[in-house]
């Protein structure tokens, strides 16, 4: 039996901007979307009790790919940014080429490109 990380959760305040970033900029696919009328007993959506949704995005099926979960709480417009997550590192020549010409892309000293999440 092998053990692997399944996904990472980002709480998002602007669903459209987040979807656009992950699907258009990072070229991930929406794998599934679920809507919930009330908070999760296991605090899946954080310490909130209202309506929320989660959308799984990634480059392949959840069964054998690491994916990103975008958690959206309808009553929350934004979150205070912390310092607990520094970035996602994706290795793809095709993605590198598509991001290279973007005005918001920055080349790092190591030769990799950085593009910042909008929200």
N, C-alpha and C. Protein backbone atom coordinates (compact mmCIF):
# COMPACT_ATOMS: atom_id res chain seq x y z
N UNK A 1 0.84 -1.18 0.00
CA UNK A 1 0.00 0.00 0.00
C UNK A 1 0.89 1.25 0.00
N UNK A 2 0.62 2.17 -0.91
CA UNK A 2 1.38 3.42 -0.94
C UNK A 2 0.52 4.55 -0.38
N UNK A 3 1.18 5.50 0.22
CA UNK A 3 0.50 6.65 0.80
C UNK A 3 0.88 7.87 -0.02
N UNK A 4 -0.09 8.73 -0.32
CA UNK A 4 0.20 9.94 -1.07
C UNK A 4 -0.73 11.07 -0.62
N UNK A 5 -0.29 12.28 -0.82
CA UNK A 5 -1.13 13.44 -0.55
C UNK A 5 -2.21 13.49 -1.64
N UNK A 6 -3.44 13.78 -1.26
CA UNK A 6 -4.55 13.79 -2.20
C UNK A 6 -4.84 15.17 -2.78
N UNK A 7 -4.90 16.17 -1.91
CA UNK A 7 -5.21 17.51 -2.37
C UNK A 7 -4.81 18.55 -1.33
N UNK A 8 -4.83 19.81 -1.76
CA UNK A 8 -4.60 20.93 -0.86
C UNK A 8 -5.80 21.85 -1.01
N UNK A 9 -6.22 22.47 0.09
CA UNK A 9 -7.41 23.31 0.09
C UNK A 9 -7.01 24.79 0.12
N UNK A 10 -7.60 25.55 -0.77
CA UNK A 10 -7.50 27.01 -0.73
C UNK A 10 -8.90 27.56 -0.50
N UNK A 11 -9.05 28.42 0.50
CA UNK A 11 -10.31 29.15 0.70
C UNK A 11 -10.23 30.38 -0.20
N UNK A 12 -11.24 30.54 -1.04
CA UNK A 12 -11.22 31.62 -2.02
C UNK A 12 -12.36 32.60 -1.76
N UNK A 13 -12.12 33.88 -2.01
CA UNK A 13 -13.13 34.90 -1.82
C UNK A 13 -13.80 35.31 -3.12
N UNK A 14 -13.09 35.19 -4.23
CA UNK A 14 -13.61 35.57 -5.54
C UNK A 14 -13.58 34.32 -6.42
N UNK A 15 -14.73 33.69 -6.53
CA UNK A 15 -14.78 32.40 -7.23
C UNK A 15 -14.43 32.54 -8.71
N UNK A 16 -14.94 33.56 -9.39
CA UNK A 16 -14.65 33.71 -10.82
C UNK A 16 -13.16 33.94 -11.07
N UNK A 17 -12.55 34.85 -10.32
CA UNK A 17 -11.11 35.12 -10.50
C UNK A 17 -10.29 33.87 -10.21
N UNK A 18 -10.69 33.12 -9.20
CA UNK A 18 -9.97 31.89 -8.85
C UNK A 18 -10.12 30.84 -9.93
N UNK A 19 -11.35 30.64 -10.42
CA UNK A 19 -11.57 29.67 -11.50
C UNK A 19 -10.75 30.06 -12.73
N UNK A 20 -10.80 31.35 -13.08
CA UNK A 20 -10.05 31.81 -14.25
C UNK A 20 -8.56 31.54 -14.09
N UNK A 21 -8.01 31.81 -12.91
CA UNK A 21 -6.59 31.59 -12.67
C UNK A 21 -6.22 30.12 -12.83
N UNK A 22 -6.96 29.25 -12.16
CA UNK A 22 -6.60 27.83 -12.20
C UNK A 22 -6.89 27.17 -13.54
N UNK A 23 -7.98 27.58 -14.22
CA UNK A 23 -8.32 26.93 -15.48
C UNK A 23 -7.69 27.60 -16.70
N UNK A 24 -7.60 28.92 -16.70
CA UNK A 24 -7.06 29.61 -17.88
C UNK A 24 -5.56 29.84 -17.79
N UNK A 25 -5.07 30.27 -16.63
CA UNK A 25 -3.64 30.54 -16.50
C UNK A 25 -2.87 29.24 -16.29
N UNK A 26 -3.28 28.45 -15.29
CA UNK A 26 -2.57 27.20 -14.99
C UNK A 26 -3.06 26.01 -15.81
N UNK A 27 -4.11 26.22 -16.59
CA UNK A 27 -4.65 25.22 -17.52
C UNK A 27 -5.10 23.93 -16.85
N UNK A 28 -5.59 24.04 -15.62
CA UNK A 28 -6.16 22.88 -14.92
C UNK A 28 -7.59 22.69 -15.39
N UNK A 29 -8.12 21.52 -15.17
CA UNK A 29 -9.50 21.19 -15.51
C UNK A 29 -10.33 21.13 -14.23
N UNK A 30 -11.61 21.54 -14.33
CA UNK A 30 -12.53 21.36 -13.21
C UNK A 30 -12.89 19.88 -13.20
N UNK A 31 -12.59 19.21 -12.11
CA UNK A 31 -12.83 17.76 -12.00
C UNK A 31 -14.19 17.46 -11.39
N UNK A 32 -14.61 18.27 -10.43
CA UNK A 32 -15.95 18.13 -9.85
C UNK A 32 -16.26 19.37 -9.04
N UNK A 33 -17.56 19.59 -8.84
CA UNK A 33 -18.03 20.74 -8.07
C UNK A 33 -19.19 20.27 -7.20
N UNK A 34 -19.19 20.68 -5.94
CA UNK A 34 -20.26 20.32 -5.02
C UNK A 34 -20.73 21.55 -4.27
N UNK A 35 -22.03 21.65 -4.04
CA UNK A 35 -22.65 22.75 -3.29
C UNK A 35 -23.21 22.20 -1.98
N UNK A 36 -23.08 22.98 -0.91
CA UNK A 36 -23.57 22.58 0.41
C UNK A 36 -24.37 23.73 1.01
N UNK A 37 -25.50 23.40 1.63
CA UNK A 37 -26.38 24.42 2.20
C UNK A 37 -25.95 24.89 3.58
N UNK A 38 -25.19 24.07 4.30
CA UNK A 38 -24.75 24.47 5.64
C UNK A 38 -23.33 23.97 5.88
N UNK A 39 -22.71 24.51 6.93
CA UNK A 39 -21.32 24.18 7.24
C UNK A 39 -21.07 22.70 7.44
N UNK A 40 -19.83 22.32 7.32
CA UNK A 40 -19.39 20.93 7.45
C UNK A 40 -19.06 20.65 8.92
N UNK A 41 -19.55 19.55 9.46
CA UNK A 41 -19.29 19.18 10.86
C UNK A 41 -17.80 19.00 11.14
N UNK A 42 -17.04 18.62 10.13
CA UNK A 42 -15.59 18.42 10.29
C UNK A 42 -14.81 19.69 9.96
N UNK A 43 -15.50 20.82 9.86
CA UNK A 43 -14.90 22.12 9.52
C UNK A 43 -14.23 22.12 8.14
N UNK A 44 -14.79 21.36 7.20
CA UNK A 44 -14.24 21.29 5.84
C UNK A 44 -14.13 22.67 5.21
N UNK A 45 -15.09 23.54 5.49
CA UNK A 45 -15.10 24.87 4.90
C UNK A 45 -14.62 25.93 5.88
N UNK A 46 -13.99 25.51 6.97
CA UNK A 46 -13.52 26.45 7.98
C UNK A 46 -14.58 26.64 9.06
N UNK A 47 -14.42 27.67 9.87
CA UNK A 47 -15.34 27.87 11.00
C UNK A 47 -16.62 28.61 10.60
N UNK A 48 -17.22 28.22 9.49
CA UNK A 48 -18.39 28.92 8.97
C UNK A 48 -19.56 27.94 8.89
N UNK A 49 -20.77 28.46 9.11
CA UNK A 49 -21.95 27.59 9.13
C UNK A 49 -22.87 27.77 7.93
N UNK A 50 -22.56 28.70 7.05
CA UNK A 50 -23.45 29.00 5.94
C UNK A 50 -23.21 28.16 4.70
N UNK A 51 -23.87 28.57 3.62
CA UNK A 51 -23.77 27.90 2.33
C UNK A 51 -22.33 28.00 1.82
N UNK A 52 -21.84 26.89 1.23
CA UNK A 52 -20.47 26.87 0.70
C UNK A 52 -20.37 25.87 -0.43
N UNK A 53 -19.27 25.93 -1.15
CA UNK A 53 -19.04 24.97 -2.23
C UNK A 53 -17.58 24.57 -2.25
N UNK A 54 -17.33 23.45 -2.90
CA UNK A 54 -15.94 23.05 -3.15
C UNK A 54 -15.84 22.59 -4.59
N UNK A 55 -14.74 22.98 -5.20
CA UNK A 55 -14.46 22.63 -6.59
C UNK A 55 -13.07 22.04 -6.64
N UNK A 56 -12.96 20.86 -7.20
CA UNK A 56 -11.67 20.20 -7.35
C UNK A 56 -11.14 20.50 -8.75
N UNK A 57 -9.90 21.00 -8.81
CA UNK A 57 -9.25 21.28 -10.09
C UNK A 57 -7.90 20.58 -10.14
N UNK A 58 -7.48 20.20 -11.34
CA UNK A 58 -6.19 19.53 -11.46
C UNK A 58 -5.90 19.15 -12.90
N UNK A 59 -4.84 18.38 -13.07
CA UNK A 59 -4.39 17.96 -14.40
C UNK A 59 -4.82 16.54 -14.75
N UNK A 60 -5.49 15.86 -13.85
CA UNK A 60 -5.95 14.51 -14.12
C UNK A 60 -6.86 14.04 -13.00
N UNK A 61 -7.42 12.84 -13.12
CA UNK A 61 -8.37 12.32 -12.14
C UNK A 61 -7.82 12.30 -10.71
N UNK A 62 -8.70 12.57 -9.77
CA UNK A 62 -8.31 12.59 -8.35
C UNK A 62 -7.73 11.26 -7.88
N UNK A 63 -8.14 10.18 -8.50
CA UNK A 63 -7.68 8.85 -8.07
C UNK A 63 -6.16 8.68 -8.17
N UNK A 64 -5.54 9.38 -9.13
CA UNK A 64 -4.09 9.20 -9.27
C UNK A 64 -3.32 10.50 -9.53
N UNK A 65 -3.93 11.64 -9.23
CA UNK A 65 -3.26 12.93 -9.37
C UNK A 65 -3.49 13.76 -8.11
N UNK A 66 -2.50 14.54 -7.75
CA UNK A 66 -2.67 15.53 -6.69
C UNK A 66 -3.52 16.65 -7.27
N UNK A 67 -4.53 17.12 -6.53
CA UNK A 67 -5.43 18.16 -7.03
C UNK A 67 -5.55 19.29 -6.02
N UNK A 68 -6.19 20.36 -6.44
CA UNK A 68 -6.44 21.53 -5.60
C UNK A 68 -7.94 21.60 -5.33
N UNK A 69 -8.30 21.82 -4.07
CA UNK A 69 -9.70 22.04 -3.70
C UNK A 69 -9.89 23.53 -3.46
N UNK A 70 -10.82 24.14 -4.19
CA UNK A 70 -11.16 25.54 -4.01
C UNK A 70 -12.43 25.61 -3.18
N UNK A 71 -12.33 26.09 -1.95
CA UNK A 71 -13.47 26.17 -1.05
C UNK A 71 -13.99 27.61 -1.04
N UNK A 72 -15.27 27.76 -1.36
CA UNK A 72 -15.89 29.07 -1.44
C UNK A 72 -17.03 29.15 -0.44
N UNK A 73 -16.94 30.09 0.50
CA UNK A 73 -18.01 30.36 1.47
C UNK A 73 -18.79 31.57 0.96
N UNK A 74 -20.08 31.38 0.70
CA UNK A 74 -20.89 32.43 0.08
C UNK A 74 -20.92 33.72 0.88
N UNK A 75 -20.84 33.65 2.18
CA UNK A 75 -20.95 34.85 3.02
C UNK A 75 -19.61 35.56 3.22
N UNK A 76 -18.53 35.00 2.73
CA UNK A 76 -17.20 35.57 2.95
C UNK A 76 -16.69 36.16 1.63
N UNK A 77 -16.38 37.44 1.63
CA UNK A 77 -15.91 38.10 0.41
C UNK A 77 -14.41 38.01 0.21
N UNK A 78 -13.67 37.89 1.31
CA UNK A 78 -12.21 37.80 1.20
C UNK A 78 -11.65 37.24 2.50
N UNK A 79 -10.41 36.84 2.45
CA UNK A 79 -9.71 36.29 3.61
C UNK A 79 -8.43 37.08 3.84
N UNK A 80 -8.03 37.18 5.08
CA UNK A 80 -6.76 37.81 5.40
C UNK A 80 -5.66 36.84 4.97
N UNK A 81 -4.74 37.32 4.18
CA UNK A 81 -3.66 36.46 3.72
C UNK A 81 -2.69 36.19 4.86
N UNK A 82 -2.27 34.95 4.96
CA UNK A 82 -1.31 34.55 5.97
C UNK A 82 0.03 34.23 5.34
N UNK A 83 0.83 33.48 6.07
CA UNK A 83 2.15 33.12 5.55
C UNK A 83 2.38 31.62 5.61
N UNK A 84 1.29 30.86 5.60
CA UNK A 84 1.43 29.41 5.77
C UNK A 84 1.58 28.65 4.46
N UNK A 85 1.45 29.31 3.34
CA UNK A 85 1.59 28.61 2.06
C UNK A 85 2.32 29.53 1.09
N UNK A 86 3.42 29.08 0.57
CA UNK A 86 4.25 29.94 -0.27
C UNK A 86 4.01 29.77 -1.77
N UNK A 87 3.51 28.63 -2.21
CA UNK A 87 3.27 28.49 -3.64
C UNK A 87 3.05 27.07 -4.08
N UNK A 88 2.65 26.96 -5.31
CA UNK A 88 2.48 25.67 -5.97
C UNK A 88 3.57 25.60 -7.03
N UNK A 89 4.28 24.52 -7.08
CA UNK A 89 5.33 24.36 -8.08
C UNK A 89 4.88 23.32 -9.09
N UNK A 90 4.77 23.73 -10.34
CA UNK A 90 4.29 22.87 -11.41
C UNK A 90 5.39 22.78 -12.47
N UNK A 91 5.76 21.58 -12.82
CA UNK A 91 6.79 21.41 -13.84
C UNK A 91 6.12 20.96 -15.13
N UNK A 92 6.13 21.86 -16.12
CA UNK A 92 5.53 21.57 -17.42
C UNK A 92 6.10 22.54 -18.44
N UNK A 93 6.78 22.03 -19.44
CA UNK A 93 7.33 22.89 -20.49
C UNK A 93 6.23 23.65 -21.21
N UNK A 94 5.11 22.97 -21.47
CA UNK A 94 3.99 23.60 -22.17
C UNK A 94 3.41 24.76 -21.35
N UNK A 95 3.21 24.54 -20.06
CA UNK A 95 2.68 25.59 -19.19
C UNK A 95 3.69 26.74 -19.08
N UNK A 96 4.96 26.40 -18.96
CA UNK A 96 6.02 27.42 -18.88
C UNK A 96 5.96 28.34 -20.09
N UNK A 97 5.81 27.76 -21.28
CA UNK A 97 5.75 28.56 -22.51
C UNK A 97 4.52 29.46 -22.54
N UNK A 98 3.38 28.96 -22.06
CA UNK A 98 2.16 29.77 -22.10
C UNK A 98 2.18 30.90 -21.07
N UNK A 99 2.87 30.71 -19.98
CA UNK A 99 2.95 31.74 -18.93
C UNK A 99 4.05 32.75 -19.22
N UNK A 100 5.06 32.33 -19.93
CA UNK A 100 6.26 33.14 -20.18
C UNK A 100 5.95 34.55 -20.70
N UNK A 101 4.98 34.69 -21.58
CA UNK A 101 4.67 35.99 -22.16
C UNK A 101 3.69 36.83 -21.37
N UNK A 102 3.20 36.32 -20.27
CA UNK A 102 2.21 37.08 -19.48
C UNK A 102 2.87 38.28 -18.80
N UNK A 103 2.16 39.42 -18.75
CA UNK A 103 2.74 40.60 -18.09
C UNK A 103 2.93 40.41 -16.58
N UNK A 104 2.18 39.49 -15.98
CA UNK A 104 2.30 39.26 -14.53
C UNK A 104 3.27 38.12 -14.19
N UNK A 105 3.95 37.58 -15.19
CA UNK A 105 4.92 36.51 -14.94
C UNK A 105 6.28 37.12 -14.62
N UNK A 106 6.96 36.51 -13.68
CA UNK A 106 8.29 37.00 -13.27
C UNK A 106 9.26 35.82 -13.29
N UNK A 107 10.39 36.02 -13.92
CA UNK A 107 11.41 34.97 -13.97
C UNK A 107 12.23 35.01 -12.69
N UNK A 108 12.33 33.87 -12.03
CA UNK A 108 13.09 33.75 -10.79
C UNK A 108 14.56 33.48 -11.10
N UNK A 109 15.47 33.74 -10.16
CA UNK A 109 16.90 33.49 -10.39
C UNK A 109 17.20 32.05 -10.81
N UNK A 110 16.38 31.10 -10.39
CA UNK A 110 16.61 29.70 -10.73
C UNK A 110 16.15 29.36 -12.15
N UNK A 111 15.53 30.34 -12.85
CA UNK A 111 15.07 30.10 -14.21
C UNK A 111 13.59 29.74 -14.29
N UNK A 112 12.97 29.47 -13.17
CA UNK A 112 11.54 29.15 -13.15
C UNK A 112 10.72 30.43 -13.25
N UNK A 113 9.46 30.29 -13.63
CA UNK A 113 8.56 31.44 -13.71
C UNK A 113 7.64 31.48 -12.51
N UNK A 114 7.28 32.69 -12.11
CA UNK A 114 6.34 32.87 -11.02
C UNK A 114 5.17 33.70 -11.54
N UNK A 115 3.97 33.27 -11.25
CA UNK A 115 2.78 34.05 -11.55
C UNK A 115 1.93 34.01 -10.29
N UNK A 116 1.46 35.18 -9.87
CA UNK A 116 0.77 35.28 -8.59
C UNK A 116 -0.73 35.06 -8.72
N UNK A 117 -1.28 34.41 -7.71
CA UNK A 117 -2.71 34.17 -7.59
C UNK A 117 -3.41 35.50 -7.35
N UNK A 118 -4.50 35.80 -8.07
CA UNK A 118 -5.11 37.13 -7.99
C UNK A 118 -5.81 37.48 -6.68
N UNK A 119 -6.28 36.50 -5.91
CA UNK A 119 -7.01 36.91 -4.70
C UNK A 119 -6.30 36.41 -3.49
